[in-house]
Amino acid sequence: MTELDRLLENWESVYKKGLLTFWLLLLLDEKPSYPYEMSAEVVRLSEGTISADDNSIYRAISRFEEMGLVASQSGESKLGPPRKYYNLTQDGRSLLRLFIQRNILIFQHPAVAEHIQHVLQNGENNGK
């Protein structure tokens, strides 16, 4: 592994940990879910770029519930006891919308998109 690969892995690790909240709230905006299924659904929604173990998801969901971002309700399970399903509250939806407006849509801004395209097209030759 090169030094550049190591640096990229470190950066992506920090970046992805910070984005788990985004992907979980985005999932819960799509449909109510129970924590055990959320791991696979986050991988699906993020097209394989984000993964999280069940413990990380349980901790995050518990934190979101304490903050009033999600609410839970008991639902039937075909395999055992009832499951606790989570859905976004109005505050959770508002927070997700604001986060997207401030941190995701910026990549669609023409000047930012132009810079990104420049890096992708000329990044290896830049400064040489």
C-alpha atoms as a PDB file:
ATOM      1  CA  MET A   1       0.000   0.000   0.000  1.00  0.00           C
ATOM      2  CA  THR A   2       1.374   3.378  -0.956  1.00  0.00           C
ATOM      3  CA  GLU A   3       1.431   6.383   1.335  1.00  0.00           C
ATOM      4  CA  LEU A   4      -1.248   8.002  -0.839  1.00  0.00           C
ATOM      5  CA  ASP A   5      -3.487   4.915  -0.464  1.00  0.00           C
ATOM      6  CA  ARG A   6      -3.023   5.018   3.312  1.00  0.00           C
ATOM      7  CA  LEU A   7      -3.864   8.728   3.459  1.00  0.00           C
ATOM      8  CA  LEU A   8      -6.958   8.150   1.326  1.00  0.00           C
ATOM      9  CA  GLU A   9      -8.131   5.291   3.554  1.00  0.00           C
ATOM     10  CA  ASN A  10      -7.700   7.445   6.668  1.00  0.00           C
ATOM     11  CA  TRP A  11      -9.568  10.373   5.112  1.00  0.00           C
ATOM     12  CA  GLU A  12     -12.384   8.129   3.866  1.00  0.00           C
ATOM     13  CA  SER A  13     -12.704   6.480   7.280  1.00  0.00           C
ATOM     14  CA  VAL A  14     -13.311   9.823   9.006  1.00  0.00           C
ATOM     15  CA  TYR A  15     -15.529  11.041   6.167  1.00  0.00           C
ATOM     16  CA  LYS A  16     -17.698   7.916   6.183  1.00  0.00           C
ATOM     17  CA  LYS A  17     -18.164   7.925   9.963  1.00  0.00           C
ATOM     18  CA  GLY A  18     -19.505  11.443   9.717  1.00  0.00           C
ATOM     19  CA  LEU A  19     -21.889  10.491   6.936  1.00  0.00           C
ATOM     20  CA  LEU A  20     -23.566   7.589   8.753  1.00  0.00           C
ATOM     21  CA  THR A  21     -26.103  10.020  10.215  1.00  0.00           C
ATOM     22  CA  PHE A  22     -26.932  11.292   6.724  1.00  0.00           C
ATOM     23  CA  TRP A  23     -27.436   7.806   5.281  1.00  0.00           C
ATOM     24  CA  LEU A  24     -29.542   6.601   8.235  1.00  0.00           C
ATOM     25  CA  LEU A  25     -31.813   9.647   8.119  1.00  0.00           C
ATOM     26  CA  LEU A  26     -32.084   9.335   4.334  1.00  0.00           C
ATOM     27  CA  LEU A  27     -33.091   5.682   4.741  1.00  0.00           C
ATOM     28  CA  LEU A  28     -35.697   6.516   7.368  1.00  0.00           C
ATOM     29  CA  ASP A  29     -37.081   9.224   5.103  1.00  0.00           C
ATOM     30  CA  GLU A  30     -37.629   6.499   2.504  1.00  0.00           C
ATOM     31  CA  LYS A  31     -39.337   4.012   4.833  1.00  0.00           C
ATOM     32  CA  PRO A  32     -39.643   2.997   8.485  1.00  0.00           C
ATOM     33  CA  SER A  33     -36.999   0.410   9.352  1.00  0.00           C
ATOM     34  CA  TYR A  34     -35.746  -1.660  12.232  1.00  0.00           C
ATOM     35  CA  PRO A  35     -32.049  -1.490  13.150  1.00  0.00           C
ATOM     36  CA  TYR A  36     -31.125  -5.006  12.058  1.00  0.00           C
ATOM     37  CA  GLU A  37     -32.177  -4.329   8.442  1.00  0.00           C
ATOM     38  CA  MET A  38     -30.653  -0.839   8.338  1.00  0.00           C
ATOM     39  CA  SER A  39     -27.116  -2.049   7.751  1.00  0.00           C
ATOM     40  CA  ALA A  40     -27.939  -3.687   4.411  1.00  0.00           C
ATOM     41  CA  GLU A  41     -30.218  -0.805   3.444  1.00  0.00           C
ATOM     42  CA  VAL A  42     -27.486   1.792   4.087  1.00  0.00           C
ATOM     43  CA  VAL A  43     -25.141  -0.200   1.839  1.00  0.00           C
ATOM     44  CA  ARG A  44     -27.868  -0.297  -0.830  1.00  0.00           C
ATOM     45  CA  LEU A  45     -28.710   3.412  -0.624  1.00  0.00           C
ATOM     46  CA  SER A  46     -25.071   4.494  -0.609  1.00  0.00           C
ATOM     47  CA  GLU A  47     -24.301   2.151  -3.509  1.00  0.00           C
ATOM     48  CA  GLY A  48     -21.790   0.301  -1.375  1.00  0.00           C
ATOM     49  CA  THR A  49     -19.791   3.342  -0.281  1.00  0.00           C
ATOM     50  CA  ILE A  50     -20.909   3.228   3.370  1.00  0.00           C
ATOM     51  CA  SER A  51     -21.252   0.284   5.714  1.00  0.00           C
ATOM     52  CA  ALA A  52     -21.902   0.146   9.431  1.00  0.00           C
ATOM     53  CA  ASP A  53     -22.079  -2.628  11.974  1.00  0.00           C
ATOM     54  CA  ASP A  54     -25.268  -3.231  13.921  1.00  0.00           C
ATOM     55  CA  ASN A  55     -23.833  -1.754  17.145  1.00  0.00           C
ATOM     56  CA  SER A  56     -23.008   1.537  15.419  1.00  0.00           C
ATOM     57  CA  ILE A  57     -26.509   1.686  13.999  1.00  0.00           C
ATOM     58  CA  TYR A  58     -28.165   0.919  17.359  1.00  0.00           C
ATOM     59  CA  ARG A  59     -26.096   3.622  19.076  1.00  0.00           C
ATOM     60  CA  ALA A  60     -26.913   6.170  16.383  1.00  0.00           C
ATOM     61  CA  ILE A  61     -30.637   5.368  16.357  1.00  0.00           C
ATOM     62  CA  SER A  62     -30.800   5.583  20.165  1.00  0.00           C
ATOM     63  CA  ARG A  63     -29.085   8.971  20.017  1.00  0.00           C
ATOM     64  CA  PHE A  64     -31.496  10.156  17.295  1.00  0.00           C
ATOM     65  CA  GLU A  65     -34.489   9.049  19.370  1.00  0.00           C
ATOM     66  CA  GLU A  66     -33.213  10.938  22.427  1.00  0.00           C
ATOM     67  CA  MET A  67     -32.804  14.022  20.218  1.00  0.00           C
ATOM     68  CA  GLY A  68     -36.334  13.701  18.848  1.00  0.00           C
ATOM     69  CA  LEU A  69     -35.190  13.043  15.271  1.00  0.00           C
ATOM     70  CA  VAL A  70     -36.774   9.595  15.070  1.00  0.00           C
ATOM     71  CA  ALA A  71     -39.696   7.894  16.750  1.00  0.00           C
ATOM     72  CA  SER A  72     -40.239   4.200  17.263  1.00  0.00           C
ATOM     73  CA  GLN A  73     -43.210   1.934  17.130  1.00  0.00           C
ATOM     74  CA  SER A  74     -43.607  -1.771  17.655  1.00  0.00           C
ATOM     75  CA  GLY A  75     -44.292  -3.842  14.564  1.00  0.00           C
ATOM     76  CA  GLU A  76     -44.916  -7.470  13.861  1.00  0.00           C
ATOM     77  CA  SER A  77     -42.151  -9.868  12.956  1.00  0.00           C
ATOM     78  CA  LYS A  78     -42.603 -13.108  11.066  1.00  0.00           C
ATOM     79  CA  LEU A  79     -39.577 -14.491  12.896  1.00  0.00           C
ATOM     80  CA  GLY A  80     -39.958 -14.009  16.619  1.00  0.00           C
ATOM     81  CA  PRO A  81     -40.975 -11.153  18.907  1.00  0.00           C
ATOM     82  CA  PRO A  82     -42.245  -7.778  17.672  1.00  0.00           C
ATOM     83  CA  ARG A  83     -39.642  -5.445  16.198  1.00  0.00           C
ATOM     84  CA  LYS A  84     -39.076  -1.808  16.977  1.00  0.00           C
ATOM     85  CA  TYR A  85     -39.456   0.189  13.751  1.00  0.00           C
ATOM     86  CA  TYR A  86     -38.092   3.720  13.483  1.00  0.00           C
ATOM     87  CA  ASN A  87     -39.287   6.576  11.330  1.00  0.00           C
ATOM     88  CA  LEU A  88     -38.278  10.202  10.958  1.00  0.00           C
ATOM     89  CA  THR A  89     -40.085  12.822  12.969  1.00  0.00           C
ATOM     90  CA  GLN A  90     -40.823  16.227  11.492  1.00  0.00           C
ATOM     91  CA  ASP A  91     -37.666  17.534  13.197  1.00  0.00           C
ATOM     92  CA  GLY A  92     -35.685  14.669  11.659  1.00  0.00           C
ATOM     93  CA  ARG A  93     -36.990  15.517   8.179  1.00  0.00           C
ATOM     94  CA  SER A  94     -36.244  19.200   8.690  1.00  0.00           C
ATOM     95  CA  LEU A  95     -32.707  18.447   9.856  1.00  0.00           C
ATOM     96  CA  LEU A  96     -32.108  16.156   6.872  1.00  0.00           C
ATOM     97  CA  ARG A  97     -33.422  18.788   4.453  1.00  0.00           C
ATOM     98  CA  LEU A  98     -31.228  21.505   5.976  1.00  0.00           C
ATOM     99  CA  PHE A  99     -28.162  19.243   5.915  1.00  0.00           C
ATOM    100  CA  ILE A 100     -28.743  18.446   2.246  1.00  0.00           C
ATOM    101  CA  GLN A 101     -29.211  22.107   1.387  1.00  0.00           C
ATOM    102  CA  ARG A 102     -26.028  23.166   3.197  1.00  0.00           C
ATOM    103  CA  ASN A 103     -23.709  20.217   2.583  1.00  0.00           C
ATOM    104  CA  ILE A 104     -24.853  18.168  -0.408  1.00  0.00           C
ATOM    105  CA  LEU A 105     -26.367  20.586  -2.901  1.00  0.00           C
ATOM    106  CA  ILE A 106     -23.206  22.700  -2.802  1.00  0.00           C
ATOM    107  CA  PHE A 107     -21.667  20.104  -5.133  1.00  0.00           C
ATOM    108  CA  GLN A 108     -24.244  21.080  -7.770  1.00  0.00           C
ATOM    109  CA  HIS A 109     -23.233  24.748  -7.664  1.00  0.00           C
ATOM    110  CA  PRO A 110     -21.675  25.502 -11.068  1.00  0.00           C
ATOM    111  CA  ALA A 111     -18.399  26.876  -9.680  1.00  0.00           C
ATOM    112  CA  VAL A 112     -17.912  23.889  -7.360  1.00  0.00           C
ATOM    113  CA  ALA A 113     -18.916  21.410 -10.070  1.00  0.00           C
ATOM    114  CA  GLU A 114     -16.415  23.057 -12.410  1.00  0.00           C
ATOM    115  CA  HIS A 115     -13.612  22.706  -9.858  1.00  0.00           C
ATOM    116  CA  ILE A 116     -14.499  19.056  -9.280  1.00  0.00           C
ATOM    117  CA  GLN A 117     -14.477  18.355 -13.011  1.00  0.00           C
ATOM    118  CA  HIS A 118     -11.124  20.102 -13.328  1.00  0.00           C
ATOM    119  CA  VAL A 119      -9.625  17.913 -10.596  1.00  0.00           C
ATOM    120  CA  LEU A 120     -11.047  14.750 -12.158  1.00  0.00           C
ATOM    121  CA  GLN A 121      -9.856  15.634 -15.648  1.00  0.00           C
ATOM    122  CA  ASN A 122      -6.520  17.283 -14.883  1.00  0.00           C
ATOM    123  CA  GLY A 123      -5.656  16.359 -11.322  1.00  0.00           C
ATOM    124  CA  GLU A 124      -2.652  14.166 -12.132  1.00  0.00           C
ATOM    125  CA  ASN A 125      -1.103  16.869 -14.306  1.00  0.00           C
ATOM    126  CA  ASN A 126      -1.960  19.825 -12.095  1.00  0.00           C
ATOM    127  CA  GLY A 127       1.122  21.723 -10.982  1.00  0.00           C
ATOM    128  CA  LYS A 128       3.546  19.715 -13.138  1.00  0.00           C
END
